[in-house]
Amino acid sequence: DEDTCRAELEEELFMFPQGFKLGEVLQSGQHEELLDPITIAALIAATAAATTSVKSTYHGCEETWNNGVTCVLGNSCNCCKNEATYWYGKAATACGEESCWGRDIYCLSGTSCNNCCSSWKWSGSGAYCL
């Protein structure tokens, strides 16, 4: 059964020389002394499958994300097609760069008004893009 196989494999893996990684042991040929041929074949197949799986992803993501998708820097933003930036309109980090804001969009001076396409102006009701 699966638990027995796992226990046997763990026991055999425990016999690997200390400080060696599985890939190093398989490449060095030392595995022939330590493991039986069926286990060797299973380990090589599992290593190849894991390597292929990792190579087929982008920073561990199944697919890349388009601009505007909110994300967390240092984590899910790794999935962005384009580098993530802070988006004032979302008040969050998102993939890519936010488009500049056009005329008559209200903004906050010193922060989101920096995202106006041209400049901004203060009026009695607040700041807005020109």
Foldseek 3Di string as FASTA:
>chain_A
DVVVVVVVLVVLVVPPPPPDDPVRCLVVVVVVVRDDPVSNVVVVVVVVVVVVVVVCAQVPHVAADEWPAFDDPPPRQSRHPAHWDQDPVVNGITHDDDAADEWFAFDAPPPNQVRHPPHWDADPVHITHD
